Amino acid sequence: MPALDWLRPPRYVLTLSLLVTLAAVCAMAWLGSELLARERALDAQRARESRAGSRLMARQSISPKGECRVCWSPGTLRPARSGT
């Protein structure tokens, strides 16, 4: 059997190559998990900042008298015109 000839001495070459491959796979798996954890943390931070910005914009757009000072149009904010 020619396939079994590869498993005969010197086995250290096969063992060494398997260990190097295993170490590389483990390192890539660990780095991938770290990348995913950082990506989730960044997404959560962006969501918090977006919510805080939305609350601030909503607070600033309403005057103390309860009148809206900002007209919302698709994609832009512009000051409300007096008399409209």
Foldseek 3Di string as FASTA:
>chain_A
DVVCVVCDPPNVVVVVVVVVVVVVVVVVVVVVVVVVVVVVVVVVVVVVVVVVVVVVVVVVQADPVRDGQWDDDPPDIDGDDPPD
